[in-house]
């Protein structure tokens, strides 16, 4: 689970495994596997960073480098 912020300022927690892709157009839009779209304040890079941290913590992935 990753902590994010909706565009209206409301914090929420998202299951990172549901993310299909992330776009920055210029707002960041997360599209979930079921097609639902969520607009967030975080940048696409930040969403990816949080997702990678989640994956490392849950799947024991090695740290980069």
PDB file of N, CA and C in Angstrom:
ATOM      1  N   UNK A   1       0.843  -1.167   0.000  1.00  0.00           N
ATOM      2  CA  UNK A   1       0.000   0.000   0.000  1.00  0.00           C
ATOM      3  C   UNK A   1       0.897   1.241   0.000  1.00  0.00           C
ATOM      4  N   UNK A   2       0.478   2.245  -0.784  1.00  0.00           N
ATOM      5  CA  UNK A   2       1.235   3.495  -0.839  1.00  0.00           C
ATOM      6  C   UNK A   2       0.311   4.656  -0.486  1.00  0.00           C
ATOM      7  N   UNK A   3       0.868   5.629   0.240  1.00  0.00           N
ATOM      8  CA  UNK A   3       0.102   6.805   0.660  1.00  0.00           C
ATOM      9  C   UNK A   3       0.199   7.869  -0.413  1.00  0.00           C
ATOM     10  N   UNK A   4      -0.954   8.363  -0.861  1.00  0.00           N
ATOM     11  CA  UNK A   4      -1.022   9.387  -1.896  1.00  0.00           C
ATOM     12  C   UNK A   4      -2.016  10.463  -1.481  1.00  0.00           C
ATOM     13  N   UNK A   5      -2.112  11.510  -2.305  1.00  0.00           N
ATOM     14  CA  UNK A   5      -3.020  12.614  -2.029  1.00  0.00           C
ATOM     15  C   UNK A   5      -3.856  12.912  -3.260  1.00  0.00           C
ATOM     16  N   UNK A   6      -5.168  12.898  -3.098  1.00  0.00           N
ATOM     17  CA  UNK A   6      -6.041  13.276  -4.209  1.00  0.00           C
ATOM     18  C   UNK A   6      -5.852  14.758  -4.512  1.00  0.00           C
ATOM     19  N   UNK A   7      -6.238  15.184  -5.699  1.00  0.00           N
ATOM     20  CA  UNK A   7      -6.078  16.595  -6.096  1.00  0.00           C
ATOM     21  C   UNK A   7      -6.803  17.547  -5.149  1.00  0.00           C
ATOM     22  N   UNK A   8      -7.868  17.073  -4.481  1.00  0.00           N
ATOM     23  CA  UNK A   8      -8.611  17.929  -3.549  1.00  0.00           C
ATOM     24  C   UNK A   8      -7.953  17.997  -2.171  1.00  0.00           C
ATOM     25  N   UNK A   9      -6.785  17.350  -2.013  1.00  0.00           N
ATOM     26  CA  UNK A   9      -6.050  17.388  -0.751  1.00  0.00           C
ATOM     27  C   UNK A   9      -6.340  16.226   0.179  1.00  0.00           C
ATOM     28  N   UNK A  10      -7.275  15.363  -0.180  1.00  0.00           N
ATOM     29  CA  UNK A  10      -7.650  14.220   0.656  1.00  0.00           C
ATOM     30  C   UNK A  10      -6.613  13.109   0.536  1.00  0.00           C
ATOM     31  N   UNK A  11      -5.956  12.749   1.653  1.00  0.00           N
ATOM     32  CA  UNK A  11      -4.998  11.640   1.599  1.00  0.00           C
ATOM     33  C   UNK A  11      -5.734  10.304   1.480  1.00  0.00           C
ATOM     34  N   UNK A  12      -5.099   9.342   0.844  1.00  0.00           N
ATOM     35  CA  UNK A  12      -5.662   8.000   0.754  1.00  0.00           C
ATOM     36  C   UNK A  12      -4.527   7.008   0.562  1.00  0.00           C
ATOM     37  N   UNK A  13      -4.846   5.743   0.709  1.00  0.00           N
ATOM     38  CA  UNK A  13      -3.861   4.673   0.554  1.00  0.00           C
ATOM     39  C   UNK A  13      -4.315   3.796  -0.612  1.00  0.00           C
ATOM     40  N   UNK A  14      -3.378   3.498  -1.518  1.00  0.00           N
ATOM     41  CA  UNK A  14      -3.682   2.726  -2.718  1.00  0.00           C
ATOM     42  C   UNK A  14      -2.861   1.444  -2.731  1.00  0.00           C
ATOM     43  N   UNK A  15      -3.487   0.365  -3.102  1.00  0.00           N
ATOM     44  CA  UNK A  15      -2.776  -0.895  -3.298  1.00  0.00           C
ATOM     45  C   UNK A  15      -1.967  -0.753  -4.584  1.00  0.00           C
ATOM     46  N   UNK A  16      -0.656  -0.650  -4.473  1.00  0.00           N
ATOM     47  CA  UNK A  16       0.219  -0.405  -5.622  1.00  0.00           C
ATOM     48  C   UNK A  16       0.130  -1.518  -6.662  1.00  0.00           C
ATOM     49  N   UNK A  17      -0.295  -2.686  -6.266  1.00  0.00           N
ATOM     50  CA  UNK A  17      -0.400  -3.799  -7.205  1.00  0.00           C
ATOM     51  C   UNK A  17      -1.559  -3.628  -8.182  1.00  0.00           C
ATOM     52  N   UNK A  18      -2.449  -2.678  -7.921  1.00  0.00           N
ATOM     53  CA  UNK A  18      -3.579  -2.425  -8.813  1.00  0.00           C
ATOM     54  C   UNK A  18      -3.249  -1.438  -9.930  1.00  0.00           C
ATOM     55  N   UNK A  19      -2.061  -0.811  -9.867  1.00  0.00           N
ATOM     56  CA  UNK A  19      -1.694   0.210 -10.852  1.00  0.00           C
ATOM     57  C   UNK A  19      -1.358  -0.438 -12.191  1.00  0.00           C
ATOM     58  N   UNK A  20      -2.017   0.050 -13.243  1.00  0.00           N
ATOM     59  CA  UNK A  20      -1.719  -0.402 -14.600  1.00  0.00           C
ATOM     60  C   UNK A  20      -0.686   0.524 -15.220  1.00  0.00           C
ATOM     61  N   UNK A  21      -0.934   1.861 -15.155  1.00  0.00           N
ATOM     62  CA  UNK A  21       0.076   2.822 -15.591  1.00  0.00           C
ATOM     63  C   UNK A  21      -0.178   4.180 -14.971  1.00  0.00           C
ATOM     64  N   UNK A  22       0.851   5.044 -15.045  1.00  0.00           N
ATOM     65  CA  UNK A  22       0.810   6.390 -14.482  1.00  0.00           C
ATOM     66  C   UNK A  22       1.190   7.366 -15.580  1.00  0.00           C
ATOM     67  N   UNK A  23       0.403   8.452 -15.703  1.00  0.00           N
ATOM     68  CA  UNK A  23       0.671   9.484 -16.711  1.00  0.00           C
ATOM     69  C   UNK A  23       0.769  10.842 -16.036  1.00  0.00           C
ATOM     70  N   UNK A  24       1.523  11.739 -16.654  1.00  0.00           N
ATOM     71  CA  UNK A  24       1.616  13.119 -16.185  1.00  0.00           C
ATOM     72  C   UNK A  24       1.268  14.011 -17.364  1.00  0.00           C
ATOM     73  N   UNK A  25       0.065  14.623 -17.327  1.00  0.00           N
ATOM     74  CA  UNK A  25      -0.479  15.286 -18.523  1.00  0.00           C
ATOM     75  C   UNK A  25      -0.973  16.728 -18.348  1.00  0.00           C
ATOM     76  N   UNK A  26      -0.627  17.660 -17.633  1.00  0.00           N
ATOM     77  CA  UNK A  26       0.459  17.699 -16.660  1.00  0.00           C
ATOM     78  C   UNK A  26       0.060  17.136 -15.301  1.00  0.00           C
ATOM     79  N   UNK A  27      -1.250  17.004 -15.009  1.00  0.00           N
ATOM     80  CA  UNK A  27      -1.648  16.377 -13.751  1.00  0.00           C
ATOM     81  C   UNK A  27      -1.299  14.894 -13.793  1.00  0.00           C
ATOM     82  N   UNK A  28      -1.049  14.332 -12.624  1.00  0.00           N
ATOM     83  CA  UNK A  28      -0.720  12.912 -12.556  1.00  0.00           C
ATOM     84  C   UNK A  28      -2.006  12.100 -12.469  1.00  0.00           C
ATOM     85  N   UNK A  29      -2.160  11.177 -13.405  1.00  0.00           N
ATOM     86  CA  UNK A  29      -3.325  10.309 -13.461  1.00  0.00           C
ATOM     87  C   UNK A  29      -2.851   8.867 -13.331  1.00  0.00           C
ATOM     88  N   UNK A  30      -3.406   8.175 -12.346  1.00  0.00           N
ATOM     89  CA  UNK A  30      -3.107   6.755 -12.158  1.00  0.00           C
ATOM     90  C   UNK A  30      -4.278   5.976 -12.737  1.00  0.00           C
ATOM     91  N   UNK A  31      -3.985   5.061 -13.644  1.00  0.00           N
ATOM     92  CA  UNK A  31      -5.013   4.170 -14.177  1.00  0.00           C
ATOM     93  C   UNK A  31      -4.829   2.802 -13.548  1.00  0.00           C
ATOM     94  N   UNK A  32      -5.909   2.304 -12.963  1.00  0.00           N
ATOM     95  CA  UNK A  32      -5.866   1.005 -12.311  1.00  0.00           C
ATOM     96  C   UNK A  32      -6.189  -0.099 -13.308  1.00  0.00           C
ATOM     97  N   UNK A  33      -5.924  -1.321 -12.929  1.00  0.00           N
ATOM     98  CA  UNK A  33      -6.145  -2.457 -13.819  1.00  0.00           C
ATOM     99  C   UNK A  33      -7.594  -2.595 -14.256  1.00  0.00           C
ATOM    100  N   UNK A  34      -8.539  -2.117 -13.435  1.00  0.00           N
ATOM    101  CA  UNK A  34      -9.954  -2.214 -13.806  1.00  0.00           C
ATOM    102  C   UNK A  34     -10.421  -1.028 -14.649  1.00  0.00           C
ATOM    103  N   UNK A  35      -9.473  -0.111 -14.999  1.00  0.00           N
ATOM    104  CA  UNK A  35      -9.793   1.041 -15.825  1.00  0.00           C
ATOM    105  C   UNK A  35     -10.121   2.302 -15.050  1.00  0.00           C
ATOM    106  N   UNK A  36     -10.304   2.203 -13.733  1.00  0.00           N
ATOM    107  CA  UNK A  36     -10.580   3.381 -12.918  1.00  0.00           C
ATOM    108  C   UNK A  36      -9.377   4.315 -12.977  1.00  0.00           C
ATOM    109  N   UNK A  37      -9.649   5.630 -13.028  1.00  0.00           N
ATOM    110  CA  UNK A  37      -8.588   6.625 -13.057  1.00  0.00           C
ATOM    111  C   UNK A  37      -8.644   7.461 -11.785  1.00  0.00           C
ATOM    112  N   UNK A  38      -7.464   7.752 -11.238  1.00  0.00           N
ATOM    113  CA  UNK A  38      -7.363   8.546 -10.018  1.00  0.00           C
ATOM    114  C   UNK A  38      -6.397   9.688 -10.279  1.00  0.00           C
ATOM    115  N   UNK A  39      -6.822  10.900  -9.994  1.00  0.00           N
ATOM    116  CA  UNK A  39      -6.004  12.096 -10.156  1.00  0.00           C
ATOM    117  C   UNK A  39      -5.330  12.388  -8.813  1.00  0.00           C
ATOM    118  N   UNK A  40      -3.990  12.502  -8.804  1.00  0.00           N
ATOM    119  CA  UNK A  40      -3.255  12.710  -7.554  1.00  0.00           C
ATOM    120  C   UNK A  40      -2.326  13.917  -7.647  1.00  0.00           C
ATOM    121  N   UNK A  41      -1.927  14.426  -6.492  1.00  0.00           N
ATOM    122  CA  UNK A  41      -1.008  15.570  -6.422  1.00  0.00           C
ATOM    123  C   UNK A  41       0.441  15.183  -6.666  1.00  0.00           C
ATOM    124  N   UNK A  42       0.800  13.953  -6.330  1.00  0.00           N
ATOM    125  CA  UNK A  42       2.185  13.506  -6.487  1.00  0.00           C
ATOM    126  C   UNK A  42       2.560  13.437  -7.965  1.00  0.00           C
ATOM    127  N   UNK A  43       3.842  13.607  -8.240  1.00  0.00           N
ATOM    128  CA  UNK A  43       4.320  13.467  -9.617  1.00  0.00           C
ATOM    129  C   UNK A  43       4.334  11.995 -10.002  1.00  0.00           C
ATOM    130  N   UNK A  44       4.398  11.735 -11.290  1.00  0.00           N
ATOM    131  CA  UNK A  44       4.500  10.356 -11.763  1.00  0.00           C
ATOM    132  C   UNK A  44       5.760   9.702 -11.194  1.00  0.00           C
ATOM    133  N   UNK A  45       6.860  10.440 -11.177  1.00  0.00           N
ATOM    134  CA  UNK A  45       8.110   9.900 -10.628  1.00  0.00           C
ATOM    135  C   UNK A  45       7.947   9.494  -9.162  1.00  0.00           C
ATOM    136  N   UNK A  46       7.223  10.295  -8.389  1.00  0.00           N
ATOM    137  CA  UNK A  46       7.014   9.989  -6.976  1.00  0.00           C
ATOM    138  C   UNK A  46       6.155   8.734  -6.815  1.00  0.00           C
ATOM    139  N   UNK A  47       5.120   8.596  -7.646  1.00  0.00           N
ATOM    140  CA  UNK A  47       4.268   7.400  -7.584  1.00  0.00           C
ATOM    141  C   UNK A  47       5.100   6.154  -7.902  1.00  0.00           C
ATOM    142  N   UNK A  48       5.954   6.251  -8.905  1.00  0.00           N
ATOM    143  CA  UNK A  48       6.825   5.126  -9.258  1.00  0.00           C
ATOM    144  C   UNK A  48       7.765   4.815  -8.100  1.00  0.00           C
ATOM    145  N   UNK A  49       8.360   5.839  -7.516  1.00  0.00           N
ATOM    146  CA  UNK A  49       9.277   5.656  -6.385  1.00  0.00           C
ATOM    147  C   UNK A  49       8.578   4.939  -5.228  1.00  0.00           C
ATOM    148  N   UNK A  50       7.385   5.395  -4.871  1.00  0.00           N
ATOM    149  CA  UNK A  50       6.636   4.774  -3.783  1.00  0.00           C
ATOM    150  C   UNK A  50       6.272   3.328  -4.122  1.00  0.00           C
ATOM    151  N   UNK A  51       5.927   3.079  -5.379  1.00  0.00           N
ATOM    152  CA  UNK A  51       5.575   1.722  -5.813  1.00  0.00           C
ATOM    153  C   UNK A  51       6.770   0.785  -5.736  1.00  0.00           C
ATOM    154  N   UNK A  52       7.951   1.302  -6.092  1.00  0.00           N
ATOM    155  CA  UNK A  52       9.166   0.482  -6.018  1.00  0.00           C
ATOM    156  C   UNK A  52       9.531   0.166  -4.572  1.00  0.00           C
ATOM    157  N   UNK A  53       9.381   1.140  -3.690  1.00  0.00           N
ATOM    158  CA  UNK A  53       9.637   0.900  -2.269  1.00  0.00           C
ATOM    159  C   UNK A  53       8.682  -0.176  -1.760  1.00  0.00           C
ATOM    160  N   UNK A  54       7.415  -0.061  -2.130  1.00  0.00           N
ATOM    161  CA  UNK A  54       6.423  -1.069  -1.742  1.00  0.00           C
ATOM    162  C   UNK A  54       6.835  -2.454  -2.252  1.00  0.00           C
ATOM    163  N   UNK A  55       7.231  -2.542  -3.518  1.00  0.00           N
ATOM    164  CA  UNK A  55       7.615  -3.828  -4.108  1.00  0.00           C
ATOM    165  C   UNK A  55       8.828  -4.411  -3.399  1.00  0.00           C
ATOM    166  N   UNK A  56       9.805  -3.576  -3.078  1.00  0.00           N
ATOM    167  CA  UNK A  56      10.997  -4.062  -2.378  1.00  0.00           C
ATOM    168  C   UNK A  56      10.646  -4.603  -0.999  1.00  0.00           C
ATOM    169  N   UNK A  57       9.733  -3.909  -0.322  1.00  0.00           N
ATOM    170  CA  UNK A  57       9.361  -4.322   1.032  1.00  0.00           C
ATOM    171  C   UNK A  57       8.512  -5.584   1.039  1.00  0.00           C
ATOM    172  N   UNK A  58       7.722  -5.793  -0.002  1.00  0.00           N
ATOM    173  CA  UNK A  58       6.812  -6.939   0.000  1.00  0.00           C
ATOM    174  C   UNK A  58       7.345  -8.135  -0.783  1.00  0.00           C
ATOM    175  N   UNK A  59       8.277  -7.894  -1.704  1.00  0.00           N
ATOM    176  CA  UNK A  59       8.770  -8.979  -2.552  1.00  0.00           C
ATOM    177  C   UNK A  59      10.266  -9.210  -2.389  1.00  0.00           C
ATOM    178  N   UNK A  60      10.874  -8.510  -1.453  1.00  0.00           N
ATOM    179  CA  UNK A  60      12.300  -8.674  -1.189  1.00  0.00           C
ATOM    180  C   UNK A  60      13.154  -8.426  -2.437  1.00  0.00           C
ATOM    181  N   UNK A  61      12.813  -7.365  -3.173  1.00  0.00           N
ATOM    182  CA  UNK A  61      13.601  -6.996  -4.335  1.00  0.00           C
ATOM    183  C   UNK A  61      14.881  -6.306  -3.865  1.00  0.00           C
ATOM    184  N   UNK A  62      15.980  -6.487  -4.593  1.00  0.00           N
ATOM    185  CA  UNK A  62      17.236  -5.840  -4.186  1.00  0.00           C
ATOM    186  C   UNK A  62      17.178  -4.331  -4.388  1.00  0.00           C
ATOM    187  N   UNK A  63      17.934  -3.616  -3.580  1.00  0.00           N
ATOM    188  CA  UNK A  63      18.074  -2.178  -3.754  1.00  0.00           C
ATOM    189  C   UNK A  63      18.827  -1.917  -5.044  1.00  0.00           C
ATOM    190  N   UNK A  64      18.521  -0.802  -5.739  1.00  0.00           N
ATOM    191  CA  UNK A  64      19.261  -0.492  -6.966  1.00  0.00           C
ATOM    192  C   UNK A  64      20.730  -0.181  -6.661  1.00  0.00           C
ATOM    193  N   UNK A  65      21.603  -0.479  -7.619  1.00  0.00           N
ATOM    194  CA  UNK A  65      23.014  -0.143  -7.495  1.00  0.00           C
ATOM    195  C   UNK A  65      23.725  -1.176  -6.786  1.00  0.00           C
TER     196      UNK A  65
END
